[in-house]
Protein backbone atom coordinates (compact mmCIF):
# COMPACT_ATOMS: atom_id res chain seq x y z
CA LYS A 1 13.98 -0.92 29.05
CA ALA A 2 15.66 -1.96 32.23
CA ALA A 3 16.77 -5.24 30.67
CA LEU A 4 18.19 -3.43 27.62
CA GLN A 5 20.19 -0.98 29.82
CA GLU A 6 21.53 -3.93 31.87
CA ALA A 7 22.62 -5.76 28.69
CA LEU A 8 24.36 -2.61 27.38
CA ASN A 9 26.16 -2.12 30.63
CA ALA A 10 27.23 -5.74 30.50
CA LEU A 11 28.55 -5.19 26.95
CA VAL A 12 30.60 -2.16 28.03
CA GLU A 13 31.98 -4.26 31.05
CA ALA A 14 32.84 -7.20 28.73
CA LYS A 15 34.72 -4.86 26.33
CA ALA A 16 36.61 -3.33 29.30
CA GLN A 17 37.63 -6.85 30.48
CA GLY A 18 38.58 -8.02 27.04
CA GLY A 19 36.33 -11.10 26.76
CA GLY A 20 32.77 -12.22 26.15
CA VAL A 21 32.16 -9.23 23.90
CA VAL A 22 30.31 -11.25 21.20
CA GLU A 23 28.09 -13.06 23.71
CA ALA A 24 27.27 -9.70 25.46
CA ALA A 25 26.40 -8.06 22.13
CA VAL A 26 24.10 -10.86 21.14
CA LYS A 27 22.22 -10.64 24.48
CA ALA A 28 21.95 -6.83 24.00
CA ALA A 29 20.59 -7.24 20.48
CA LEU A 30 18.05 -9.79 21.85
CA SER A 31 17.01 -7.19 24.46
CA GLY A 32 16.31 -4.66 21.72
CA ALA A 33 19.61 -2.92 20.99
CA THR A 34 19.98 -1.45 17.58
CA LEU A 35 23.17 -1.75 15.50
CA GLY A 36 23.96 1.88 16.25
CA THR A 37 23.53 1.39 19.90
CA LEU A 38 25.75 -1.70 19.83
CA ALA A 39 28.38 0.22 17.90
CA CYS A 40 28.24 3.06 20.42
CA ALA A 41 28.57 0.65 23.34
CA VAL A 42 31.79 -0.98 22.15
CA GLN A 43 33.26 2.35 21.25
CA THR A 44 32.49 4.26 24.52
CA GLU A 45 33.90 4.06 27.86
CA GLY A 46 31.33 3.78 30.72
CA ALA A 47 27.65 3.20 30.68
CA VAL A 48 25.56 3.64 27.44
CA VAL A 49 22.17 5.20 27.41
CA PRO A 50 20.06 4.05 24.52
CA SER A 51 18.96 7.00 22.20
CA ILE A 52 15.94 7.34 20.02
CA SER A 53 15.61 9.57 17.08
CA ALA A 54 12.26 11.35 16.73
CA ILE A 55 10.20 10.45 13.62
CA ASN A 56 9.04 13.34 11.56
CA ILE A 57 5.36 12.49 11.18
CA HIS A 58 3.40 14.06 8.31
CA ARG A 59 0.62 13.30 5.89
CA GLY A 60 1.55 12.58 2.36
CA ALA A 61 -1.18 14.91 1.11
CA GLU A 62 0.22 18.00 2.85
CA ILE A 63 2.53 19.07 -0.06
CA PHE A 64 -0.50 18.99 -2.48
CA GLU A 65 -2.61 20.86 0.03
CA PHE A 66 0.03 23.55 0.12
CA LEU A 67 -0.17 23.92 -3.71
CA ARG A 68 -3.94 24.12 -3.64
CA LYS A 69 -3.87 26.74 -0.88
CA THR A 70 -1.27 28.67 -2.81
CA SER A 71 -3.57 28.66 -5.91
CA GLU A 72 -6.52 29.76 -3.89
CA ALA A 73 -4.45 32.64 -2.55
CA TYR A 74 -3.42 33.58 -6.01
CA ARG A 75 -7.15 33.41 -7.11
CA ASP A 76 -8.05 35.73 -4.25
CA LYS A 77 -5.38 38.07 -5.26
CA THR A 78 -5.87 38.06 -9.15
CA GLY A 79 -9.43 36.92 -9.54
CA SER A 80 -8.50 33.58 -11.11
CA PRO A 81 -6.42 30.56 -10.15
CA PRO A 82 -3.33 29.78 -12.32
CA ARG A 83 -4.66 28.59 -15.70
CA VAL A 84 -3.55 25.94 -17.98
CA PHE A 85 -4.71 25.59 -21.63
CA LEU A 86 -5.16 22.22 -23.18
CA ALA A 87 -4.02 22.40 -26.78
CA ASN A 88 -6.04 19.20 -27.72
CA MET A 89 -5.19 18.19 -31.28
CA GLY A 90 -7.55 16.17 -33.47
CA PRO A 91 -10.89 14.44 -32.63
CA ILE A 92 -11.81 13.51 -29.07
CA PRO A 93 -10.67 9.90 -29.27
CA GLN A 94 -7.22 11.09 -30.32
CA HIS A 95 -6.51 13.48 -27.46
CA LYS A 96 -8.94 12.49 -24.67
CA PRO A 97 -6.71 9.98 -22.76
CA ARG A 98 -3.90 12.41 -22.36
CA ALA A 99 -6.17 15.41 -21.86
CA ASP A 100 -7.87 13.59 -18.95
CA PHE A 101 -4.61 12.69 -17.33
CA THR A 102 -3.29 16.25 -17.75
CA THR A 103 -6.46 17.64 -16.24
CA GLY A 104 -6.03 15.47 -13.13
CA PHE A 105 -2.34 16.28 -13.02
CA PHE A 106 -2.91 20.01 -12.73
CA GLU A 107 -6.15 19.96 -10.69
CA THR A 108 -4.17 18.28 -8.09
CA GLY A 109 -2.42 21.63 -7.44
CA GLY A 110 -5.54 23.77 -7.76
CA PHE A 111 -4.77 24.94 -11.37
CA LYS A 112 -7.78 25.80 -13.57
CA VAL A 113 -7.65 23.70 -16.66
CA LEU A 114 -9.18 25.17 -19.81
CA LYS A 115 -10.61 22.30 -21.78
CA ASN A 116 -12.05 21.91 -25.34
CA ASP A 117 -13.05 19.31 -27.81
CA GLY A 118 -9.90 19.52 -29.91
CA PHE A 119 -8.57 21.64 -32.83
CA PRO A 120 -8.20 20.44 -36.47
CA THR A 121 -5.19 22.67 -37.09
CA VAL A 122 -2.22 24.02 -35.16
CA GLU A 123 -3.17 27.54 -36.24
CA GLU A 124 -6.59 27.34 -34.60
CA ALA A 125 -5.04 25.69 -31.43
CA ALA A 126 -2.50 28.52 -31.09
CA GLY A 127 -5.07 31.13 -31.69
CA ALA A 128 -7.31 29.77 -28.95
CA PHE A 129 -4.45 29.61 -26.56
CA ALA A 130 -3.65 33.30 -27.27
CA ASP A 131 -7.27 34.24 -26.58
CA SER A 132 -7.46 32.12 -23.36
CA GLY A 133 -5.32 34.34 -21.14
CA ALA A 134 -3.39 31.26 -19.93
CA SER A 135 0.44 31.29 -19.93
CA ILE A 136 0.78 27.42 -19.77
CA ALA A 137 -0.20 25.22 -22.70
CA VAL A 138 -0.13 21.48 -22.79
CA ILE A 139 -0.15 19.75 -26.18
CA CYS A 140 -2.38 16.56 -26.00
CA SER A 141 -2.47 14.03 -28.78
CA THR A 142 -0.79 10.78 -29.72
CA ASP A 143 2.85 9.89 -30.16
CA ASP A 144 2.01 9.07 -33.80
CA THR A 145 0.94 12.63 -34.48
CA TYR A 146 3.49 14.49 -32.39
CA SER A 147 6.26 14.65 -34.96
CA GLU A 148 3.97 16.53 -37.29
CA LEU A 149 2.15 18.68 -34.76
CA VAL A 150 4.56 19.60 -31.94
CA PRO A 151 7.27 21.76 -33.64
CA PRO A 152 4.87 24.04 -35.62
CA LEU A 153 2.38 24.34 -32.79
CA THR A 154 5.06 25.13 -30.17
CA LYS A 155 6.48 27.87 -32.44
CA LEU A 156 3.07 29.44 -33.07
CA ILE A 157 2.38 29.50 -29.37
CA LYS A 158 5.60 31.09 -28.43
CA ASP A 159 5.47 33.52 -31.35
CA ALA A 160 2.10 34.72 -30.03
CA LYS A 161 3.20 34.76 -26.39
CA PRO A 162 6.96 34.69 -25.90
CA ASP A 163 6.70 34.03 -22.17
CA ALA A 164 4.38 31.03 -22.66
CA THR A 165 5.38 27.72 -21.24
CA VAL A 166 4.69 24.72 -23.51
CA LEU A 167 4.39 21.30 -22.13
CA LEU A 168 3.76 17.97 -23.89
CA ALA A 169 1.47 15.27 -22.57
CA GLY A 170 3.41 12.07 -22.74
CA TYR A 171 7.06 11.25 -23.04
CA PRO A 172 7.99 9.96 -26.44
CA ALA A 173 11.56 8.97 -25.54
CA ASP A 174 12.98 9.02 -29.13
CA LEU A 175 11.79 12.56 -29.74
CA VAL A 176 12.24 14.21 -26.38
CA GLU A 177 15.45 16.14 -27.36
CA THR A 178 13.99 17.04 -30.71
CA PHE A 179 10.92 18.49 -29.01
CA ARG A 180 13.04 20.40 -26.47
CA GLN A 181 14.99 22.00 -29.29
CA ALA A 182 11.60 22.96 -30.84
CA GLY A 183 10.65 24.78 -27.73
CA VAL A 184 8.91 22.31 -25.48
CA ASP A 185 9.72 23.17 -21.92
CA ASP A 186 8.72 19.89 -20.07
CA PHE A 187 6.60 16.80 -20.18
CA VAL A 188 3.54 15.71 -18.34
CA HIS A 189 3.43 11.87 -17.90
CA VAL A 190 2.99 9.03 -15.44
CA ARG A 191 6.74 9.16 -14.36
CA ALA A 192 6.85 12.84 -13.88
CA ASN A 193 7.15 14.20 -10.31
CA CYS A 194 3.83 15.90 -10.04
CA TYR A 195 4.53 18.04 -7.03
CA GLU A 196 7.95 19.24 -8.21
CA LEU A 197 6.75 20.20 -11.67
CA LEU A 198 3.68 22.08 -10.35
CA LEU A 199 5.83 23.84 -7.86
CA LYS A 200 8.34 24.89 -10.49
CA LEU A 201 5.60 26.22 -12.70
CA MET A 202 4.02 28.15 -9.79
CA LYS A 203 7.41 29.78 -9.16
CA GLN A 204 7.84 30.59 -12.87
CA LYS A 205 4.45 32.13 -13.19
CA GLY A 206 4.60 34.26 -10.04
CA VAL A 207 1.89 32.21 -8.26
CA LEU A 208 4.37 31.44 -5.44
């Protein structure tokens, strides 16, 4: 630290005398001066004291711990954590990959995921959602089946429960706008920001 301070003082002196600035700056850099400190030295009259910005240290898991604690507080208040209904369509091999992904996505935030083995018709899926008491439904199937399933199922869900939030597992880029117009509110997929989406849903549903 003493060598760094000496080098910075020499840089300031070189600037004042109008010569040897580059050499002094190189020496200061080799002594540990940052670019910001060097810039400050050549712009300031008098001695320069190196400054250090404190690092905000935190664990990456803290934001998800906050979500889980919020879900636990909601459970203690209402008797149940926030619930998500999986509108699994078709046989298990058809919906399982996205149902499993969605389950992990929501359980990260302490949501209770209501699972099932799949429904053969959109009417049965919508009816089961209405009976579940959940206010969030996630449609899980394959991109090949979504064009046929998503618009009618979304309509049935929202007709039965107008304040329901309908999400789609996956992100079929060519159909995203079509599905939004059909009433899909958002998408659960590998590129989604898990924390931000769960936080938004908590705020919408009065959990937070």
